[in-house]
Amino acid sequence: MEWARGEGADLAIAYVPFILEFDAGSDRDGIQRRRGVDLDVPVSIAESSASALGIPFFDLRPALAELTRTGQDLGLRGDPHYSPTTSRTAGQAIWHFLESAE
C-alpha cells in the first residue's frame, strides 16, 4: 500500500458481488440455510478491510439491484459471468465513485 501511495496512486476497495447474491432473490434466507452460506460475509469482510486500512469502500450491490428492479438479467444465459449491460453498469458506477473520491 505504501508503494502505491509513493507512486501517487490512491487505493480503494470495490465490492463486486457474484450473480448468486442476486439470483437468491426472495429465497435468500432459504438458500443461505440450505447451502450453509452467509451471503453477507464477503461484503462485510471487504468493508471492514477497507475501514481497517483507512481507504474508501464502494459497494456495487445497489447499482446491480437497480438493474434487477428493471427486469434486467445480470448474468449471461447459463453462465455466471456478468452480461454486457451489467458490466457496463458496474464500470460506470465504479468510475463515478472514483471520480467523486478525488
PDB file of N, CA and C in Angstrom:
ATOM      1  N   MET A   1       0.826  -1.179   0.000  1.00  0.00           N
ATOM      2  CA  MET A   1       0.000   0.000   0.000  1.00  0.00           C
ATOM      3  C   MET A   1       0.873   1.247   0.000  1.00  0.00           C
ATOM      4  N   GLU A   2       1.938   1.239   0.789  1.00  0.00           N
ATOM      5  CA  GLU A   2       2.825   2.397   0.841  1.00  0.00           C
ATOM      6  C   GLU A   2       3.476   2.641  -0.525  1.00  0.00           C
ATOM      7  N   TRP A   3       3.833   1.521  -1.220  1.00  0.00           N
ATOM      8  CA  TRP A   3       4.454   1.665  -2.532  1.00  0.00           C
ATOM      9  C   TRP A   3       3.506   2.374  -3.492  1.00  0.00           C
ATOM     10  N   ALA A   4       2.249   1.956  -3.506  1.00  0.00           N
ATOM     11  CA  ALA A   4       1.271   2.561  -4.410  1.00  0.00           C
ATOM     12  C   ALA A   4       1.113   4.049  -4.106  1.00  0.00           C
ATOM     13  N   ARG A   5       0.987   4.366  -2.846  1.00  0.00           N
ATOM     14  CA  ARG A   5       0.841   5.785  -2.486  1.00  0.00           C
ATOM     15  C   ARG A   5       2.102   6.566  -2.816  1.00  0.00           C
ATOM     16  N   GLY A   6       3.262   5.924  -2.642  1.00  0.00           N
ATOM     17  CA  GLY A   6       4.528   6.562  -3.004  1.00  0.00           C
ATOM     18  C   GLY A   6       4.616   6.858  -4.492  1.00  0.00           C
ATOM     19  N   GLU A   7       3.923   6.092  -5.285  1.00  0.00           N
ATOM     20  CA  GLU A   7       3.886   6.295  -6.741  1.00  0.00           C
ATOM     21  C   GLU A   7       2.765   7.240  -7.159  1.00  0.00           C
ATOM     22  N   GLY A   8       2.054   7.796  -6.171  1.00  0.00           N
ATOM     23  CA  GLY A   8       0.987   8.748  -6.462  1.00  0.00           C
ATOM     24  C   GLY A   8      -0.366   8.115  -6.735  1.00  0.00           C
ATOM     25  N   ALA A   9      -0.513   6.845  -6.430  1.00  0.00           N
ATOM     26  CA  ALA A   9      -1.786   6.168  -6.647  1.00  0.00           C
ATOM     27  C   ALA A   9      -2.615   6.169  -5.367  1.00  0.00           C
ATOM     28  N   ASP A  10      -3.904   6.341  -5.519  1.00  0.00           N
ATOM     29  CA  ASP A  10      -4.819   6.202  -4.394  1.00  0.00           C
ATOM     30  C   ASP A  10      -5.422   4.805  -4.457  1.00  0.00           C
ATOM     31  N   LEU A  11      -5.763   4.274  -3.321  1.00  0.00           N
ATOM     32  CA  LEU A  11      -6.345   2.942  -3.259  1.00  0.00           C
ATOM     33  C   LEU A  11      -7.793   3.004  -2.795  1.00  0.00           C
ATOM     34  N   ALA A  12      -8.561   2.044  -3.244  1.00  0.00           N
ATOM     35  CA  ALA A  12      -9.945   1.883  -2.804  1.00  0.00           C
ATOM     36  C   ALA A  12     -10.299   0.412  -2.987  1.00  0.00           C
ATOM     37  N   ILE A  13     -11.311  -0.027  -2.273  1.00  0.00           N
ATOM     38  CA  ILE A  13     -11.823  -1.380  -2.448  1.00  0.00           C
ATOM     39  C   ILE A  13     -13.237  -1.268  -2.994  1.00  0.00           C
ATOM     40  N   ALA A  14     -13.480  -1.970  -4.086  1.00  0.00           N
ATOM     41  CA  ALA A  14     -14.826  -2.040  -4.664  1.00  0.00           C
ATOM     42  C   ALA A  14     -15.332  -3.459  -4.479  1.00  0.00           C
ATOM     43  N   TYR A  15     -16.513  -3.590  -3.901  1.00  0.00           N
ATOM     44  CA  TYR A  15     -17.121  -4.899  -3.745  1.00  0.00           C
ATOM     45  C   TYR A  15     -17.949  -5.204  -4.982  1.00  0.00           C
ATOM     46  N   VAL A  16     -17.542  -6.244  -5.706  1.00  0.00           N
ATOM     47  CA  VAL A  16     -18.207  -6.677  -6.933  1.00  0.00           C
ATOM     48  C   VAL A  16     -18.855  -8.029  -6.634  1.00  0.00           C
ATOM     49  N   PRO A  17     -20.159  -8.048  -6.437  1.00  0.00           N
ATOM     50  CA  PRO A  17     -20.825  -9.275  -5.990  1.00  0.00           C
ATOM     51  C   PRO A  17     -20.939 -10.345  -7.079  1.00  0.00           C
ATOM     52  N   PHE A  18     -21.059 -11.572  -6.625  1.00  0.00           N
ATOM     53  CA  PHE A  18     -21.360 -12.690  -7.511  1.00  0.00           C
ATOM     54  C   PHE A  18     -22.817 -12.609  -7.929  1.00  0.00           C
ATOM     55  N   ILE A  19     -23.122 -13.130  -9.091  1.00  0.00           N
ATOM     56  CA  ILE A  19     -24.501 -13.184  -9.574  1.00  0.00           C
ATOM     57  C   ILE A  19     -25.386 -13.920  -8.565  1.00  0.00           C
ATOM     58  N   LEU A  20     -24.851 -14.949  -7.928  1.00  0.00           N
ATOM     59  CA  LEU A  20     -25.612 -15.739  -6.952  1.00  0.00           C
ATOM     60  C   LEU A  20     -26.250 -14.862  -5.881  1.00  0.00           C
ATOM     61  N   GLU A  21     -25.592 -13.788  -5.509  1.00  0.00           N
ATOM     62  CA  GLU A  21     -26.127 -12.919  -4.473  1.00  0.00           C
ATOM     63  C   GLU A  21     -27.452 -12.286  -4.895  1.00  0.00           C
ATOM     64  N   PHE A  22     -27.656 -12.127  -6.189  1.00  0.00           N
ATOM     65  CA  PHE A  22     -28.906 -11.554  -6.687  1.00  0.00           C
ATOM     66  C   PHE A  22     -29.873 -12.628  -7.133  1.00  0.00           C
ATOM     67  N   ASP A  23     -29.355 -13.743  -7.621  1.00  0.00           N
ATOM     68  CA  ASP A  23     -30.221 -14.847  -8.020  1.00  0.00           C
ATOM     69  C   ASP A  23     -30.974 -15.411  -6.825  1.00  0.00           C
ATOM     70  N   ALA A  24     -30.440 -15.219  -5.646  1.00  0.00           N
ATOM     71  CA  ALA A  24     -31.101 -15.723  -4.439  1.00  0.00           C
ATOM     72  C   ALA A  24     -32.487 -15.099  -4.287  1.00  0.00           C
ATOM     73  N   GLY A  25     -32.611 -13.846  -4.688  1.00  0.00           N
ATOM     74  CA  GLY A  25     -33.898 -13.161  -4.679  1.00  0.00           C
ATOM     75  C   GLY A  25     -34.631 -13.278  -3.359  1.00  0.00           C
ATOM     76  N   SER A  26     -35.910 -13.602  -3.457  1.00  0.00           N
ATOM     77  CA  SER A  26     -36.743 -13.650  -2.259  1.00  0.00           C
ATOM     78  C   SER A  26     -36.443 -14.870  -1.393  1.00  0.00           C
ATOM     79  N   ASP A  27     -35.729 -15.858  -1.938  1.00  0.00           N
ATOM     80  CA  ASP A  27     -35.400 -17.057  -1.167  1.00  0.00           C
ATOM     81  C   ASP A  27     -33.978 -16.977  -0.603  1.00  0.00           C
ATOM     82  N   ARG A  28     -33.480 -15.787  -0.435  1.00  0.00           N
ATOM     83  CA  ARG A  28     -32.110 -15.573   0.057  1.00  0.00           C
ATOM     84  C   ARG A  28     -31.854 -16.318   1.364  1.00  0.00           C
ATOM     85  N   ASP A  29     -32.764 -16.195   2.331  1.00  0.00           N
ATOM     86  CA  ASP A  29     -32.578 -16.874   3.621  1.00  0.00           C
ATOM     87  C   ASP A  29     -32.585 -18.386   3.458  1.00  0.00           C
ATOM     88  N   GLY A  30     -33.489 -18.895   2.630  1.00  0.00           N
ATOM     89  CA  GLY A  30     -33.561 -20.334   2.392  1.00  0.00           C
ATOM     90  C   GLY A  30     -32.299 -20.867   1.744  1.00  0.00           C
ATOM     91  N   ILE A  31     -31.782 -20.130   0.777  1.00  0.00           N
ATOM     92  CA  ILE A  31     -30.547 -20.546   0.104  1.00  0.00           C
ATOM     93  C   ILE A  31     -29.393 -20.553   1.096  1.00  0.00           C
ATOM     94  N   GLN A  32     -29.339 -19.558   1.927  1.00  0.00           N
ATOM     95  CA  GLN A  32     -28.259 -19.492   2.918  1.00  0.00           C
ATOM     96  C   GLN A  32     -28.333 -20.682   3.875  1.00  0.00           C
ATOM     97  N   ARG A  33     -29.542 -21.032   4.299  1.00  0.00           N
ATOM     98  CA  ARG A  33     -29.696 -22.173   5.206  1.00  0.00           C
ATOM     99  C   ARG A  33     -29.346 -23.489   4.520  1.00  0.00           C
ATOM    100  N   ARG A  34     -29.903 -23.700   3.318  1.00  0.00           N
ATOM    101  CA  ARG A  34     -29.678 -24.976   2.611  1.00  0.00           C
ATOM    102  C   ARG A  34     -28.220 -25.164   2.218  1.00  0.00           C
ATOM    103  N   ARG A  35     -27.568 -24.132   1.791  1.00  0.00           N
ATOM    104  CA  ARG A  35     -26.178 -24.243   1.331  1.00  0.00           C
ATOM    105  C   ARG A  35     -25.176 -23.978   2.446  1.00  0.00           C
ATOM    106  N   GLY A  36     -25.655 -23.504   3.569  1.00  0.00           N
ATOM    107  CA  GLY A  36     -24.746 -23.211   4.675  1.00  0.00           C
ATOM    108  C   GLY A  36     -23.820 -22.045   4.379  1.00  0.00           C
ATOM    109  N   VAL A  37     -24.320 -21.090   3.604  1.00  0.00           N
ATOM    110  CA  VAL A  37     -23.506 -19.955   3.177  1.00  0.00           C
ATOM    111  C   VAL A  37     -24.165 -18.667   3.661  1.00  0.00           C
ATOM    112  N   ASP A  38     -23.383 -17.799   4.237  1.00  0.00           N
ATOM    113  CA  ASP A  38     -23.881 -16.480   4.621  1.00  0.00           C
ATOM    114  C   ASP A  38     -23.489 -15.517   3.509  1.00  0.00           C
ATOM    115  N   LEU A  39     -24.459 -15.092   2.700  1.00  0.00           N
ATOM    116  CA  LEU A  39     -24.181 -14.247   1.539  1.00  0.00           C
ATOM    117  C   LEU A  39     -23.704 -12.845   1.916  1.00  0.00           C
ATOM    118  N   ASP A  40     -23.802 -12.479   3.184  1.00  0.00           N
ATOM    119  CA  ASP A  40     -23.357 -11.151   3.607  1.00  0.00           C
ATOM    120  C   ASP A  40     -21.907 -11.127   4.075  1.00  0.00           C
ATOM    121  N   VAL A  41     -21.291 -12.290   4.236  1.00  0.00           N
ATOM    122  CA  VAL A  41     -19.912 -12.341   4.726  1.00  0.00           C
ATOM    123  C   VAL A  41     -18.919 -11.662   3.776  1.00  0.00           C
ATOM    124  N   PRO A  42     -18.960 -11.940   2.456  1.00  0.00           N
ATOM    125  CA  PRO A  42     -17.956 -11.312   1.586  1.00  0.00           C
ATOM    126  C   PRO A  42     -17.948  -9.783   1.638  1.00  0.00           C
ATOM    127  N   VAL A  43     -19.128  -9.161   1.571  1.00  0.00           N
ATOM    128  CA  VAL A  43     -19.170  -7.700   1.602  1.00  0.00           C
ATOM    129  C   VAL A  43     -18.743  -7.178   2.973  1.00  0.00           C
ATOM    130  N   SER A  44     -19.077  -7.900   4.030  1.00  0.00           N
ATOM    131  CA  SER A  44     -18.660  -7.476   5.378  1.00  0.00           C
ATOM    132  C   SER A  44     -17.148  -7.490   5.512  1.00  0.00           C
ATOM    133  N   ILE A  45     -16.519  -8.524   4.973  1.00  0.00           N
ATOM    134  CA  ILE A  45     -15.056  -8.614   5.028  1.00  0.00           C
ATOM    135  C   ILE A  45     -14.422  -7.488   4.215  1.00  0.00           C
ATOM    136  N   ALA A  46     -14.949  -7.250   3.015  1.00  0.00           N
ATOM    137  CA  ALA A  46     -14.394  -6.190   2.172  1.00  0.00           C
ATOM    138  C   ALA A  46     -14.533  -4.820   2.831  1.00  0.00           C
ATOM    139  N   GLU A  47     -15.710  -4.562   3.385  1.00  0.00           N
ATOM    140  CA  GLU A  47     -15.952  -3.263   4.020  1.00  0.00           C
ATOM    141  C   GLU A  47     -15.085  -3.072   5.270  1.00  0.00           C
ATOM    142  N   SER A  48     -14.969  -4.104   6.093  1.00  0.00           N
ATOM    143  CA  SER A  48     -14.156  -3.968   7.301  1.00  0.00           C
ATOM    144  C   SER A  48     -12.670  -3.865   6.953  1.00  0.00           C
ATOM    145  N   SER A  49     -12.243  -4.528   5.883  1.00  0.00           N
ATOM    146  CA  SER A  49     -10.844  -4.417   5.449  1.00  0.00           C
ATOM    147  C   SER A  49     -10.535  -2.995   4.989  1.00  0.00           C
ATOM    148  N   ALA A  50     -11.433  -2.419   4.211  1.00  0.00           N
ATOM    149  CA  ALA A  50     -11.243  -1.044   3.758  1.00  0.00           C
ATOM    150  C   ALA A  50     -11.177  -0.090   4.949  1.00  0.00           C
ATOM    151  N   SER A  51     -12.077  -0.297   5.890  1.00  0.00           N
ATOM    152  CA  SER A  51     -12.096   0.545   7.085  1.00  0.00           C
ATOM    153  C   SER A  51     -10.794   0.421   7.869  1.00  0.00           C
ATOM    154  N   ALA A  52     -10.330  -0.811   8.063  1.00  0.00           N
ATOM    155  CA  ALA A  52      -9.090  -1.041   8.820  1.00  0.00           C
ATOM    156  C   ALA A  52      -7.886  -0.411   8.125  1.00  0.00           C
ATOM    157  N   LEU A  53      -7.910  -0.386   6.792  1.00  0.00           N
ATOM    158  CA  LEU A  53      -6.803   0.193   6.034  1.00  0.00           C
ATOM    159  C   LEU A  53      -6.959   1.695   5.828  1.00  0.00           C
ATOM    160  N   GLY A  54      -8.123   2.227   6.179  1.00  0.00           N
ATOM    161  CA  GLY A  54      -8.359   3.655   6.011  1.00  0.00           C
ATOM    162  C   GLY A  54      -8.492   4.072   4.553  1.00  0.00           C
ATOM    163  N   ILE A  55      -9.071   3.196   3.740  1.00  0.00           N
ATOM    164  CA  ILE A  55      -9.246   3.523   2.329  1.00  0.00           C
ATOM    165  C   ILE A  55     -10.732   3.475   1.975  1.00  0.00           C
ATOM    166  N   PRO A  56     -11.113   4.192   0.924  1.00  0.00           N
ATOM    167  CA  PRO A  56     -12.527   4.233   0.534  1.00  0.00           C
ATOM    168  C   PRO A  56     -13.048   2.854   0.141  1.00  0.00           C
ATOM    169  N   PHE A  57     -14.336   2.657   0.394  1.00  0.00           N
ATOM    170  CA  PHE A  57     -15.013   1.412   0.059  1.00  0.00           C
ATOM    171  C   PHE A  57     -16.204   1.725  -0.825  1.00  0.00           C
ATOM    172  N   PHE A  58     -16.373   0.947  -1.883  1.00  0.00           N
ATOM    173  CA  PHE A  58     -17.507   1.112  -2.787  1.00  0.00           C
ATOM    174  C   PHE A  58     -18.226  -0.217  -2.913  1.00  0.00           C
ATOM    175  N   ASP A  59     -19.529  -0.201  -2.679  1.00  0.00           N
ATOM    176  CA  ASP A  59     -20.370  -1.389  -2.760  1.00  0.00           C
ATOM    177  C   ASP A  59     -21.190  -1.313  -4.045  1.00  0.00           C
ATOM    178  N   LEU A  60     -20.933  -2.217  -4.958  1.00  0.00           N
ATOM    179  CA  LEU A  60     -21.605  -2.216  -6.246  1.00  0.00           C
ATOM    180  C   LEU A  60     -23.024  -2.789  -6.185  1.00  0.00           C
ATOM    181  N   ARG A  61     -23.395  -3.398  -5.079  1.00  0.00           N
ATOM    182  CA  ARG A  61     -24.703  -4.037  -4.984  1.00  0.00           C
ATOM    183  C   ARG A  61     -25.885  -3.117  -5.274  1.00  0.00           C
ATOM    184  N   PRO A  62     -25.910  -1.872  -4.789  1.00  0.00           N
ATOM    185  CA  PRO A  62     -27.073  -1.016  -5.105  1.00  0.00           C
ATOM    186  C   PRO A  62     -27.252  -0.768  -6.608  1.00  0.00           C
ATOM    187  N   ALA A  63     -26.162  -0.579  -7.332  1.00  0.00           N
ATOM    188  CA  ALA A  63     -26.267  -0.360  -8.784  1.00  0.00           C
ATOM    189  C   ALA A  63     -26.809  -1.599  -9.481  1.00  0.00           C
ATOM    190  N   LEU A  64     -26.367  -2.776  -9.043  1.00  0.00           N
ATOM    191  CA  LEU A  64     -26.851  -4.007  -9.659  1.00  0.00           C
ATOM    192  C   LEU A  64     -28.287  -4.309  -9.227  1.00  0.00           C
ATOM    193  N   ALA A  65     -28.632  -3.944  -8.008  1.00  0.00           N
ATOM    194  CA  ALA A  65     -30.014  -4.127  -7.547  1.00  0.00           C
ATOM    195  C   ALA A  65     -30.957  -3.291  -8.403  1.00  0.00           C
ATOM    196  N   GLU A  66     -30.527  -2.108  -8.788  1.00  0.00           N
ATOM    197  CA  GLU A  66     -31.353  -1.260  -9.654  1.00  0.00           C
ATOM    198  C   GLU A  66     -31.593  -1.940 -11.000  1.00  0.00           C
ATOM    199  N   LEU A  67     -30.577  -2.585 -11.542  1.00  0.00           N
ATOM    200  CA  LEU A  67     -30.758  -3.323 -12.795  1.00  0.00           C
ATOM    201  C   LEU A  67     -31.790  -4.434 -12.642  1.00  0.00           C
ATOM    202  N   THR A  68     -31.726  -5.150 -11.532  1.00  0.00           N
ATOM    203  CA  THR A  68     -32.677  -6.251 -11.339  1.00  0.00           C
ATOM    204  C   THR A  68     -34.096  -5.711 -11.185  1.00  0.00           C
ATOM    205  N   ARG A  69     -34.251  -4.528 -10.600  1.00  0.00           N
ATOM    206  CA  ARG A  69     -35.583  -3.927 -10.466  1.00  0.00           C
ATOM    207  C   ARG A  69     -36.196  -3.602 -11.823  1.00  0.00           C
ATOM    208  N   THR A  70     -35.338  -3.342 -12.814  1.00  0.00           N
ATOM    209  CA  THR A  70     -35.835  -3.039 -14.163  1.00  0.00           C
ATOM    210  C   THR A  70     -36.074  -4.310 -14.963  1.00  0.00           C
ATOM    211  N   GLY A  71     -35.809  -5.473 -14.360  1.00  0.00           N
ATOM    212  CA  GLY A  71     -36.025  -6.739 -15.044  1.00  0.00           C
ATOM    213  C   GLY A  71     -34.831  -7.236 -15.837  1.00  0.00           C
ATOM    214  N   GLN A  72     -33.732  -6.532 -15.745  1.00  0.00           N
ATOM    215  CA  GLN A  72     -32.522  -6.904 -16.486  1.00  0.00           C
ATOM    216  C   GLN A  72     -31.878  -8.151 -15.874  1.00  0.00           C
ATOM    217  N   ASP A  73     -31.539  -9.137 -16.709  1.00  0.00           N
ATOM    218  CA  ASP A  73     -30.754 -10.276 -16.240  1.00  0.00           C
ATOM    219  C   ASP A  73     -29.325  -9.814 -16.028  1.00  0.00           C
ATOM    220  N   LEU A  74     -28.763 -10.115 -14.879  1.00  0.00           N
ATOM    221  CA  LEU A  74     -27.399  -9.685 -14.589  1.00  0.00           C
ATOM    222  C   LEU A  74     -26.356 -10.541 -15.286  1.00  0.00           C
ATOM    223  N   GLY A  75     -26.656 -11.821 -15.432  1.00  0.00           N
ATOM    224  CA  GLY A  75     -25.660 -12.724 -15.995  1.00  0.00           C
ATOM    225  C   GLY A  75     -25.984 -13.162 -17.400  1.00  0.00           C
ATOM    226  N   LEU A  76     -25.008 -13.821 -17.992  1.00  0.00           N
ATOM    227  CA  LEU A  76     -25.194 -14.417 -19.299  1.00  0.00           C
ATOM    228  C   LEU A  76     -26.028 -15.682 -19.139  1.00  0.00           C
ATOM    229  N   ARG A  77     -26.776 -16.030 -20.118  1.00  0.00           N
ATOM    230  CA  ARG A  77     -27.626 -17.220 -20.043  1.00  0.00           C
ATOM    231  C   ARG A  77     -26.757 -18.464 -19.851  1.00  0.00           C
ATOM    232  N   GLY A  78     -27.011 -19.189 -18.746  1.00  0.00           N
ATOM    233  CA  GLY A  78     -26.268 -20.411 -18.467  1.00  0.00           C
ATOM    234  C   GLY A  78     -24.827 -20.188 -18.051  1.00  0.00           C
ATOM    235  N   ASP A  79     -24.498 -18.970 -17.664  1.00  0.00           N
ATOM    236  CA  ASP A  79     -23.108 -18.631 -17.337  1.00  0.00           C
ATOM    237  C   ASP A  79     -23.132 -17.634 -16.173  1.00  0.00           C
ATOM    238  N   PRO A  80     -22.291 -17.814 -15.156  1.00  0.00           N
ATOM    239  CA  PRO A  80     -22.338 -16.919 -14.002  1.00  0.00           C
ATOM    240  C   PRO A  80     -21.641 -15.566 -14.200  1.00  0.00           C
ATOM    241  N   HIS A  81     -21.097 -15.310 -15.390  1.00  0.00           N
ATOM    242  CA  HIS A  81     -20.411 -14.037 -15.626  1.00  0.00           C
ATOM    243  C   HIS A  81     -21.418 -12.925 -15.909  1.00  0.00           C
ATOM    244  N   TYR A  82     -21.002 -11.698 -15.651  1.00  0.00           N
ATOM    245  CA  TYR A  82     -21.859 -10.540 -15.899  1.00  0.00           C
ATOM    246  C   TYR A  82     -22.194 -10.410 -17.387  1.00  0.00           C
ATOM    247  N   SER A  83     -23.402  -9.960 -17.656  1.00  0.00           N
ATOM    248  CA  SER A  83     -23.817  -9.659 -19.033  1.00  0.00           C
ATOM    249  C   SER A  83     -23.119  -8.362 -19.467  1.00  0.00           C
ATOM    250  N   PRO A  84     -23.129  -8.051 -20.763  1.00  0.00           N
ATOM    251  CA  PRO A  84     -22.549  -6.775 -21.202  1.00  0.00           C
ATOM    252  C   PRO A  84     -23.184  -5.569 -20.514  1.00  0.00           C
ATOM    253  N   THR A  85     -24.502  -5.584 -20.337  1.00  0.00           N
ATOM    254  CA  THR A  85     -25.179  -4.466 -19.669  1.00  0.00           C
ATOM    255  C   THR A  85     -24.740  -4.349 -18.218  1.00  0.00           C
ATOM    256  N   THR A  86     -24.625  -5.478 -17.535  1.00  0.00           N
ATOM    257  CA  THR A  86     -24.188  -5.468 -16.141  1.00  0.00           C
ATOM    258  C   THR A  86     -22.748  -4.974 -16.042  1.00  0.00           C
ATOM    259  N   SER A  87     -21.904  -5.426 -16.937  1.00  0.00           N
ATOM    260  CA  SER A  87     -20.501  -4.992 -16.941  1.00  0.00           C
ATOM    261  C   SER A  87     -20.399  -3.492 -17.174  1.00  0.00           C
ATOM    262  N   ARG A  88     -21.190  -2.973 -18.112  1.00  0.00           N
ATOM    263  CA  ARG A  88     -21.179  -1.541 -18.399  1.00  0.00           C
ATOM    264  C   ARG A  88     -21.664  -0.750 -17.191  1.00  0.00           C
ATOM    265  N   THR A  89     -22.749  -1.205 -16.577  1.00  0.00           N
ATOM    266  CA  THR A  89     -23.291  -0.536 -15.395  1.00  0.00           C
ATOM    267  C   THR A  89     -22.276  -0.548 -14.258  1.00  0.00           C
ATOM    268  N   ALA A  90     -21.633  -1.683 -14.046  1.00  0.00           N
ATOM    269  CA  ALA A  90     -20.625  -1.797 -12.982  1.00  0.00           C
ATOM    270  C   ALA A  90     -19.462  -0.849 -13.251  1.00  0.00           C
ATOM    271  N   GLY A  91     -18.978  -0.842 -14.470  1.00  0.00           N
ATOM    272  CA  GLY A  91     -17.864   0.042 -14.821  1.00  0.00           C
ATOM    273  C   GLY A  91     -18.207   1.503 -14.620  1.00  0.00           C
ATOM    274  N   GLN A  92     -19.397   1.899 -15.048  1.00  0.00           N
ATOM    275  CA  GLN A  92     -19.816   3.297 -14.892  1.00  0.00           C
ATOM    276  C   GLN A  92     -19.971   3.669 -13.421  1.00  0.00           C
ATOM    277  N   ALA A  93     -20.547   2.775 -12.632  1.00  0.00           N
ATOM    278  CA  ALA A  93     -20.736   3.061 -11.201  1.00  0.00           C
ATOM    279  C   ALA A  93     -19.390   3.208 -10.497  1.00  0.00           C
ATOM    280  N   ILE A  94     -18.464   2.308 -10.803  1.00  0.00           N
ATOM    281  CA  ILE A  94     -17.126   2.398 -10.189  1.00  0.00           C
ATOM    282  C   ILE A  94     -16.426   3.676 -10.652  1.00  0.00           C
ATOM    283  N   TRP A  95     -16.537   3.999 -11.933  1.00  0.00           N
ATOM    284  CA  TRP A  95     -15.911   5.227 -12.460  1.00  0.00           C
ATOM    285  C   TRP A  95     -16.451   6.462 -11.746  1.00  0.00           C
ATOM    286  N   HIS A  96     -17.764   6.541 -11.576  1.00  0.00           N
ATOM    287  CA  HIS A  96     -18.347   7.702 -10.882  1.00  0.00           C
ATOM    288  C   HIS A  96     -17.869   7.769  -9.434  1.00  0.00           C
ATOM    289  N   PHE A  97     -17.767   6.617  -8.786  1.00  0.00           N
ATOM    290  CA  PHE A  97     -17.254   6.573  -7.407  1.00  0.00           C
ATOM    291  C   PHE A  97     -15.823   7.105  -7.351  1.00  0.00           C
ATOM    292  N   LEU A  98     -14.980   6.652  -8.275  1.00  0.00           N
ATOM    293  CA  LEU A  98     -13.587   7.089  -8.276  1.00  0.00           C
ATOM    294  C   LEU A  98     -13.461   8.576  -8.586  1.00  0.00           C
ATOM    295  N   GLU A  99     -14.279   9.065  -9.501  1.00  0.00           N
ATOM    296  CA  GLU A  99     -14.263  10.495  -9.813  1.00  0.00           C
ATOM    297  C   GLU A  99     -14.667  11.335  -8.602  1.00  0.00           C
ATOM    298  N   SER A 100     -15.665  10.871  -7.858  1.00  0.00           N
ATOM    299  CA  SER A 100     -16.136  11.638  -6.698  1.00  0.00           C
ATOM    300  C   SER A 100     -15.171  11.531  -5.525  1.00  0.00           C
ATOM    301  N   ALA A 101     -14.328  10.508  -5.520  1.00  0.00           N
ATOM    302  CA  ALA A 101     -13.371  10.326  -4.422  1.00  0.00           C
ATOM    303  C   ALA A 101     -12.149  11.221  -4.566  1.00  0.00           C
ATOM    304  N   GLU A 102     -11.966  11.811  -5.742  1.00  0.00           N
ATOM    305  CA  GLU A 102     -10.771  12.649  -5.963  1.00  0.00           C
ATOM    306  C   GLU A 102     -10.839  13.950  -5.223  1.00  0.00           C
TER     307      GLU A 102
END
